[in-house]
Amino acid sequence: MTALALTVLRDLLLHLDHALHVVVFIDPEVDPKHVEALARAYGAWDDRRVRVVAARSATAYSQDNARAAVDRHGFPALLVSRGFRPELGRDEDAIPADEIGRALGVRVVRSRSYWEGGNILHDSEHCVVGADTIADNRLRLGLTDPEARRLLEADLGTTIHVIGDASRARFDFEHDTIAPSGQASFHIDLDVSILGRVGRRAGPVALVADAEQGARLVEHVLRDRATLGRHLIPAARVRELLTKEFEAAAEERRAVLADYRATLRQIGYRIVGVPDVRVRRANGLFGDSRLDFTYCNVLPGLNAGRPSVHYLPWGIPALDRAAEAQYRAAGVQPVRVSSDPIVADALMRLSAGLHCFCGPLP
């Protein structure tokens, strides 16, 4: 994790606008001077742009822990969830509101509802929440779906739009969590990015994972030696098996992604599909190999004054070019945050992406 975090920090400093600053959370037991020295040696430090803050945390994914926000008076604030995955016993490691408020110098507000930041997306137009978040609050707090929705709206301070099917979720008493999911992925930021109004185009724009585009590019994935080398299956059989796995995953996700697109269109978004190639989430032939290639977990923002999406390329040229063409079709310029595809692969093996680690104020 240390090498990966420093690599991501180094690449962000290289490719984000120089006016942007980065706050890095570290474990309280770690010496911040040691972290700074290590980051300097790694080329991942800038005295003017990087600040290290010690904070207890239930997860390495900053977006899941808390949401950066602006209060009704226009001041920066941090919204913290009621609890982070209590079924895993992580509540005791949740961000301490008083400590982090003093460290950051901002107001910290603890939510009355349960959520993870990867299941909440917002732009200048709308706030979109994954259906599993509604179901989680319904099941944990004994609410109806409308009550859970109103509670989230009160916490987030805005109207929310739900994508996915909350009615599919059931409570798994053995693991104290909801199952199966009413979403295409466990967090919607792996399948959707909402960009607001881009340039002079009418209406807001959303990127949505498109398995059909991915299917047309699978042959390029199968020619990539690095991809085929992530398993123990003999080379003579892997192409056939992996092709079937990609097809099965696309079929498993097709209906839910179609529902995502329909909901986003209903609230006014122009949909731009981006290539998406996945293996199945559970009980798949390739297990935890994470042979997933997705282009929705991006950082929207400005770069050199132009609307952009910052993304991690996979190093498969045809796949990366197709995604960049779709970003441009959405009206934003693609910015490659790293030139090393190992970064994208490492994050996906951790079920994460750029949006999981980083996030701007709304």
Foldseek 3Di string as FASTA:
>chain_A
DLVLVLVLLQLCCVFFPVVAADEAEDAPVDDVVVSQVVSVVVNRDDPVHYHYDYWQALDLQVLFQWDWEADPVGHIEIEGEQADLVLVVSRVRRTDQVRVCVRVVHHYHYAPAGGTRLQWADDPQAIEGELQSLLFRCVPVVDDSVVSQVSVCVRRVHHYFYAFDNVQWDADPVSRGIDDGRALDPGCLQAKHWAADFDPDPFTAMEGADLVLQLVCVVLLLVDPVLQPLADDDPVCPVVLQNVQQVVSCVVRVVRSVRVVVRCVVSTYDYQYAYWTFGDDPPTPRHLSLSIDTWRNWAWDDGPRHTATEFADQPSVVRVVRRQVSRVVSNHHYTHSDPDNVSVSVQSSVVHTPNSHDDDYD
